[in-house]
Structures are given as structure tokens and as C-alpha cells.
């Protein structure tokens, strides 16, 4: 979303619904079969949360949380650790360049 829309984005790892304590790098890069990142507009946030709560009552517990948002600080991607310290702050342009580089003229 940040790269496609050239939007600023802030992610706060302290908001992750984590059962067991883990380091910031583990929280960022650990994988599980049931973990998804979803982007929802502010206009649809309440409806999305209602759907998640409804699904939770129909099956087992579904952990979900809003862990970030797009920002007015256009063009920067920032990740804050569980202690609220800034772990990463890079321009979207830098990230996009690094992402495209291995593809050369294909993109």
C-alpha cells in the first residue's frame, strides 16, 4: 500500500497481539499460516472490526489488531518496536528502488 500509493506508513509492533514475548526482529519476520496483514480505510475500520468480532464468536478466537496507519508524513515508512523506539524509517522512494533493483528493466 505504501509503495503503490506513495503513502507514508507507520507500524507499531507494541500493538501486535503476541501471546509469548519475542524480540522485535522475531515479531517482524516470524511466520504463521494464519497471519494476514490487511489494509482497511478509516471509513471501513469499524465495519471490518465488527466482521472480525462476528467471525470470532462463530468459531474460535481470532486475534486481530490495528498495528499501523497511513500518515500525513507522505513518503516515509516507519516501524516502531515494542518499546516504541523507531527501528526503521526510510523513504518510500528508497524502498521502491531497492525492491525494483533485482528485476532490472522488467518493471
N, C-alpha and C. Protein backbone atom coordinates (compact mmCIF):
# COMPACT_ATOMS: atom_id res chain seq x y z
N UNK A 1 0.83 -1.19 0.00
CA UNK A 1 0.00 0.00 0.00
C UNK A 1 0.87 1.25 0.00
N UNK A 2 1.92 1.25 0.81
CA UNK A 2 2.79 2.42 0.88
C UNK A 2 3.49 2.67 -0.45
N UNK A 3 4.00 1.60 -1.07
CA UNK A 3 4.72 1.79 -2.34
C UNK A 3 3.76 2.10 -3.48
N UNK A 4 2.64 1.41 -3.54
CA UNK A 4 1.70 1.62 -4.64
C UNK A 4 1.09 3.02 -4.59
N UNK A 5 0.79 3.48 -3.40
CA UNK A 5 0.14 4.78 -3.26
C UNK A 5 1.08 5.90 -2.90
N UNK A 6 2.39 5.58 -2.74
CA UNK A 6 3.39 6.54 -2.29
C UNK A 6 2.90 7.27 -1.03
N UNK A 7 2.37 6.47 -0.10
CA UNK A 7 1.86 7.00 1.15
C UNK A 7 2.87 6.76 2.27
N UNK A 8 2.83 7.60 3.26
CA UNK A 8 3.59 7.33 4.47
C UNK A 8 2.87 6.26 5.26
N UNK A 9 3.64 5.46 6.01
CA UNK A 9 3.03 4.42 6.82
C UNK A 9 3.83 4.22 8.09
N UNK A 10 3.12 4.07 9.21
CA UNK A 10 3.76 3.81 10.48
C UNK A 10 3.21 2.50 11.04
N UNK A 11 4.11 1.61 11.44
CA UNK A 11 3.76 0.33 12.03
C UNK A 11 4.28 0.33 13.46
N UNK A 12 3.46 -0.12 14.41
CA UNK A 12 3.83 -0.14 15.82
C UNK A 12 3.74 -1.57 16.34
N UNK A 13 4.90 -2.20 16.54
CA UNK A 13 4.94 -3.59 16.97
C UNK A 13 4.40 -3.81 18.38
N UNK A 14 4.31 -2.76 19.17
CA UNK A 14 3.77 -2.93 20.52
C UNK A 14 2.27 -3.24 20.48
N UNK A 15 1.64 -3.04 19.33
CA UNK A 15 0.20 -3.30 19.19
C UNK A 15 -0.11 -4.71 18.67
N UNK A 16 0.92 -5.47 18.34
CA UNK A 16 0.71 -6.84 17.85
C UNK A 16 0.11 -7.72 18.95
N UNK A 17 -0.88 -8.53 18.61
CA UNK A 17 -1.42 -9.47 19.59
C UNK A 17 -0.52 -10.71 19.71
N UNK A 18 0.53 -10.59 20.52
CA UNK A 18 1.52 -11.65 20.67
C UNK A 18 1.27 -12.37 21.99
N UNK A 19 1.19 -13.70 21.93
CA UNK A 19 0.95 -14.49 23.14
C UNK A 19 2.19 -14.61 24.02
N UNK A 20 3.33 -14.82 23.40
CA UNK A 20 4.58 -15.00 24.14
C UNK A 20 5.53 -13.87 23.79
N UNK A 21 6.31 -13.40 24.75
CA UNK A 21 7.27 -12.33 24.45
C UNK A 21 8.25 -12.76 23.36
N UNK A 22 8.55 -11.84 22.48
CA UNK A 22 9.56 -12.10 21.45
C UNK A 22 10.27 -10.80 21.09
N UNK A 23 11.46 -10.94 20.53
CA UNK A 23 12.22 -9.77 20.10
C UNK A 23 11.52 -9.12 18.92
N UNK A 24 11.85 -7.86 18.67
CA UNK A 24 11.25 -7.13 17.55
C UNK A 24 11.50 -7.82 16.21
N UNK A 25 12.72 -8.31 15.98
CA UNK A 25 13.01 -8.97 14.71
C UNK A 25 12.19 -10.25 14.56
N UNK A 26 11.94 -10.96 15.64
CA UNK A 26 11.10 -12.15 15.57
C UNK A 26 9.66 -11.77 15.26
N UNK A 27 9.17 -10.70 15.88
CA UNK A 27 7.80 -10.24 15.63
C UNK A 27 7.63 -9.82 14.17
N UNK A 28 8.66 -9.21 13.60
CA UNK A 28 8.58 -8.76 12.21
C UNK A 28 8.65 -9.91 11.20
N UNK A 29 9.49 -10.90 11.46
CA UNK A 29 9.78 -11.90 10.44
C UNK A 29 9.30 -13.31 10.75
N UNK A 30 8.68 -13.52 11.90
CA UNK A 30 8.16 -14.86 12.16
C UNK A 30 6.94 -15.08 11.29
N UNK A 31 6.72 -16.32 10.92
CA UNK A 31 5.62 -16.62 10.02
C UNK A 31 4.67 -17.60 10.69
N UNK A 32 3.43 -17.49 10.33
CA UNK A 32 2.45 -18.49 10.74
C UNK A 32 1.44 -18.61 9.61
N UNK A 33 0.76 -19.73 9.57
CA UNK A 33 -0.17 -19.99 8.48
C UNK A 33 -1.40 -19.09 8.56
N UNK A 34 -1.70 -18.57 9.71
CA UNK A 34 -2.93 -17.80 9.86
C UNK A 34 -2.75 -16.32 10.05
N UNK A 35 -1.60 -15.78 9.69
CA UNK A 35 -1.34 -14.36 9.91
C UNK A 35 -1.50 -13.60 8.60
N UNK A 36 -2.30 -12.54 8.65
CA UNK A 36 -2.54 -11.71 7.47
C UNK A 36 -2.37 -10.25 7.84
N UNK A 37 -1.91 -9.46 6.89
CA UNK A 37 -1.92 -8.01 7.03
C UNK A 37 -2.98 -7.49 6.07
N UNK A 38 -3.88 -6.71 6.59
CA UNK A 38 -5.00 -6.19 5.82
C UNK A 38 -4.98 -4.67 5.91
N UNK A 39 -5.16 -4.02 4.79
CA UNK A 39 -5.28 -2.57 4.78
C UNK A 39 -6.75 -2.21 4.65
N UNK A 40 -7.22 -1.40 5.58
CA UNK A 40 -8.63 -1.01 5.61
C UNK A 40 -8.70 0.51 5.72
N UNK A 41 -9.54 1.12 4.92
CA UNK A 41 -9.67 2.58 5.00
C UNK A 41 -10.32 2.95 6.34
N UNK A 42 -10.04 4.14 6.81
CA UNK A 42 -10.61 4.61 8.07
C UNK A 42 -12.13 4.56 8.04
N UNK A 43 -12.72 4.80 6.88
CA UNK A 43 -14.18 4.76 6.73
C UNK A 43 -14.74 3.36 6.98
N UNK A 44 -13.93 2.33 6.73
CA UNK A 44 -14.40 0.95 6.87
C UNK A 44 -13.85 0.23 8.10
N UNK A 45 -13.08 0.93 8.91
CA UNK A 45 -12.43 0.30 10.06
C UNK A 45 -13.44 -0.34 11.02
N UNK A 46 -14.46 0.39 11.38
CA UNK A 46 -15.44 -0.12 12.34
C UNK A 46 -16.19 -1.33 11.77
N UNK A 47 -16.56 -1.28 10.50
CA UNK A 47 -17.25 -2.41 9.87
C UNK A 47 -16.34 -3.64 9.81
N UNK A 48 -15.07 -3.43 9.50
CA UNK A 48 -14.12 -4.54 9.45
C UNK A 48 -13.97 -5.18 10.82
N UNK A 49 -13.80 -4.36 11.85
CA UNK A 49 -13.67 -4.90 13.21
C UNK A 49 -14.93 -5.65 13.63
N UNK A 50 -16.09 -5.16 13.26
CA UNK A 50 -17.34 -5.85 13.56
C UNK A 50 -17.38 -7.23 12.91
N UNK A 51 -16.93 -7.30 11.65
CA UNK A 51 -16.87 -8.59 10.96
C UNK A 51 -15.91 -9.56 11.65
N UNK A 52 -14.78 -9.05 12.09
CA UNK A 52 -13.81 -9.90 12.79
C UNK A 52 -14.39 -10.41 14.10
N UNK A 53 -15.08 -9.56 14.84
CA UNK A 53 -15.69 -9.98 16.10
C UNK A 53 -16.81 -10.99 15.86
N UNK A 54 -17.57 -10.80 14.80
CA UNK A 54 -18.64 -11.73 14.45
C UNK A 54 -18.05 -13.10 14.09
N UNK A 55 -17.01 -13.10 13.29
CA UNK A 55 -16.34 -14.35 12.91
C UNK A 55 -15.77 -15.04 14.15
N UNK A 56 -15.26 -14.25 15.09
CA UNK A 56 -14.67 -14.79 16.31
C UNK A 56 -15.73 -15.54 17.13
N UNK A 57 -16.92 -15.01 17.22
CA UNK A 57 -17.96 -15.66 18.02
C UNK A 57 -18.50 -16.91 17.34
N UNK A 58 -18.35 -17.01 16.02
CA UNK A 58 -18.85 -18.16 15.28
C UNK A 58 -17.85 -19.31 15.25
N UNK A 59 -16.61 -19.03 15.53
CA UNK A 59 -15.60 -20.09 15.51
C UNK A 59 -14.74 -19.97 16.76
N UNK A 60 -13.47 -20.13 16.61
CA UNK A 60 -12.57 -19.97 17.75
C UNK A 60 -12.11 -18.52 17.85
N UNK A 61 -11.27 -18.25 18.79
CA UNK A 61 -10.77 -16.89 18.99
C UNK A 61 -9.95 -16.43 17.80
N UNK A 62 -10.20 -15.22 17.37
CA UNK A 62 -9.44 -14.61 16.28
C UNK A 62 -8.76 -13.37 16.86
N UNK A 63 -7.45 -13.43 16.95
CA UNK A 63 -6.71 -12.26 17.42
C UNK A 63 -6.50 -11.30 16.26
N UNK A 64 -6.86 -10.06 16.46
CA UNK A 64 -6.62 -9.04 15.44
C UNK A 64 -6.35 -7.72 16.13
N UNK A 65 -5.65 -6.85 15.43
CA UNK A 65 -5.33 -5.55 15.99
C UNK A 65 -4.94 -4.60 14.87
N UNK A 66 -5.21 -3.34 15.09
CA UNK A 66 -4.72 -2.30 14.19
C UNK A 66 -3.31 -1.97 14.66
N UNK A 67 -2.33 -2.28 13.83
CA UNK A 67 -0.93 -2.08 14.22
C UNK A 67 -0.26 -0.94 13.48
N UNK A 68 -1.01 -0.24 12.65
CA UNK A 68 -0.40 0.86 11.92
C UNK A 68 -1.42 1.66 11.15
N UNK A 69 -0.92 2.67 10.49
CA UNK A 69 -1.79 3.52 9.69
C UNK A 69 -0.97 4.29 8.66
N UNK A 70 -1.68 4.76 7.65
CA UNK A 70 -1.03 5.67 6.72
C UNK A 70 -0.92 7.01 7.42
N UNK A 71 0.03 7.81 6.98
CA UNK A 71 0.31 9.05 7.70
C UNK A 71 0.34 10.25 6.77
N UNK A 72 0.26 11.40 7.38
CA UNK A 72 0.41 12.65 6.65
C UNK A 72 1.88 12.88 6.27
N UNK A 73 2.77 12.15 6.93
CA UNK A 73 4.21 12.23 6.64
C UNK A 73 4.47 11.46 5.35
N UNK A 74 3.95 11.99 4.26
CA UNK A 74 3.95 11.31 2.97
C UNK A 74 5.35 10.89 2.56
N UNK A 75 5.45 9.65 2.13
CA UNK A 75 6.69 9.17 1.56
C UNK A 75 7.64 8.48 2.51
N UNK A 76 7.25 8.26 3.79
CA UNK A 76 8.14 7.56 4.72
C UNK A 76 7.46 6.35 5.32
N UNK A 77 8.21 5.27 5.44
CA UNK A 77 7.76 4.04 6.06
C UNK A 77 8.52 3.91 7.37
N UNK A 78 7.79 3.81 8.47
CA UNK A 78 8.42 3.77 9.79
C UNK A 78 7.90 2.57 10.57
N UNK A 79 8.82 1.87 11.23
CA UNK A 79 8.45 0.77 12.11
C UNK A 79 8.96 1.11 13.50
N UNK A 80 8.05 1.06 14.47
CA UNK A 80 8.40 1.28 15.88
C UNK A 80 8.37 -0.07 16.59
N UNK A 81 9.37 -0.28 17.44
CA UNK A 81 9.47 -1.54 18.17
C UNK A 81 8.49 -1.60 19.33
N UNK A 82 8.55 -2.71 20.02
CA UNK A 82 7.66 -2.92 21.15
C UNK A 82 7.90 -1.92 22.28
N UNK A 83 9.09 -1.34 22.31
CA UNK A 83 9.41 -0.32 23.31
C UNK A 83 9.11 1.09 22.78
N UNK A 84 8.49 1.17 21.60
CA UNK A 84 8.11 2.43 20.94
C UNK A 84 9.28 3.16 20.29
N UNK A 85 10.49 2.59 20.35
CA UNK A 85 11.65 3.19 19.68
C UNK A 85 11.52 2.97 18.17
N UNK A 86 12.00 3.92 17.38
CA UNK A 86 11.99 3.78 15.93
C UNK A 86 13.06 2.78 15.51
N UNK A 87 12.63 1.71 14.86
CA UNK A 87 13.56 0.69 14.36
C UNK A 87 13.99 0.99 12.94
N UNK A 88 13.08 1.58 12.17
CA UNK A 88 13.33 1.81 10.75
C UNK A 88 12.54 3.02 10.31
N UNK A 89 13.17 3.86 9.54
CA UNK A 89 12.48 4.99 8.91
C UNK A 89 13.18 5.25 7.59
N UNK A 90 12.53 4.85 6.51
CA UNK A 90 13.10 5.02 5.18
C UNK A 90 12.06 5.64 4.26
N UNK A 91 12.55 6.32 3.25
CA UNK A 91 11.61 6.89 2.29
C UNK A 91 11.04 5.79 1.42
N UNK A 92 9.80 5.97 1.01
CA UNK A 92 9.16 5.01 0.11
C UNK A 92 9.94 4.91 -1.19
N UNK A 93 10.51 6.00 -1.64
CA UNK A 93 11.31 6.00 -2.86
C UNK A 93 12.51 5.06 -2.72
N UNK A 94 13.22 5.12 -1.58
CA UNK A 94 14.35 4.22 -1.33
C UNK A 94 13.90 2.76 -1.33
N UNK A 95 12.79 2.50 -0.66
CA UNK A 95 12.29 1.13 -0.58
C UNK A 95 11.88 0.61 -1.96
N UNK A 96 11.22 1.45 -2.72
CA UNK A 96 10.77 1.05 -4.05
C UNK A 96 11.96 0.78 -4.97
N UNK A 97 12.99 1.62 -4.88
CA UNK A 97 14.20 1.43 -5.69
C UNK A 97 14.87 0.11 -5.34
N UNK A 98 15.00 -0.19 -4.05
CA UNK A 98 15.63 -1.44 -3.61
C UNK A 98 14.81 -2.65 -4.04
N UNK A 99 13.48 -2.53 -4.00
CA UNK A 99 12.60 -3.63 -4.38
C UNK A 99 12.68 -3.90 -5.88
N UNK A 100 12.76 -2.84 -6.69
CA UNK A 100 12.78 -2.99 -8.15
C UNK A 100 14.15 -3.40 -8.68
N UNK A 101 15.22 -3.08 -7.99
CA UNK A 101 16.57 -3.28 -8.50
C UNK A 101 16.83 -4.70 -9.02
N UNK A 102 16.47 -5.76 -8.30
CA UNK A 102 16.77 -7.10 -8.81
C UNK A 102 16.03 -7.44 -10.10
N UNK A 103 14.93 -6.73 -10.42
CA UNK A 103 14.14 -7.03 -11.60
C UNK A 103 14.63 -6.29 -12.84
N UNK A 104 15.51 -5.33 -12.64
CA UNK A 104 16.06 -4.59 -13.77
C UNK A 104 14.98 -3.92 -14.61
N UNK A 105 15.05 -4.13 -15.92
CA UNK A 105 14.11 -3.48 -16.85
C UNK A 105 12.75 -4.19 -16.92
N UNK A 106 12.57 -5.27 -16.14
CA UNK A 106 11.30 -6.00 -16.17
C UNK A 106 10.14 -5.21 -15.55
N UNK A 107 10.47 -4.28 -14.67
CA UNK A 107 9.42 -3.48 -14.01
C UNK A 107 9.48 -2.05 -14.50
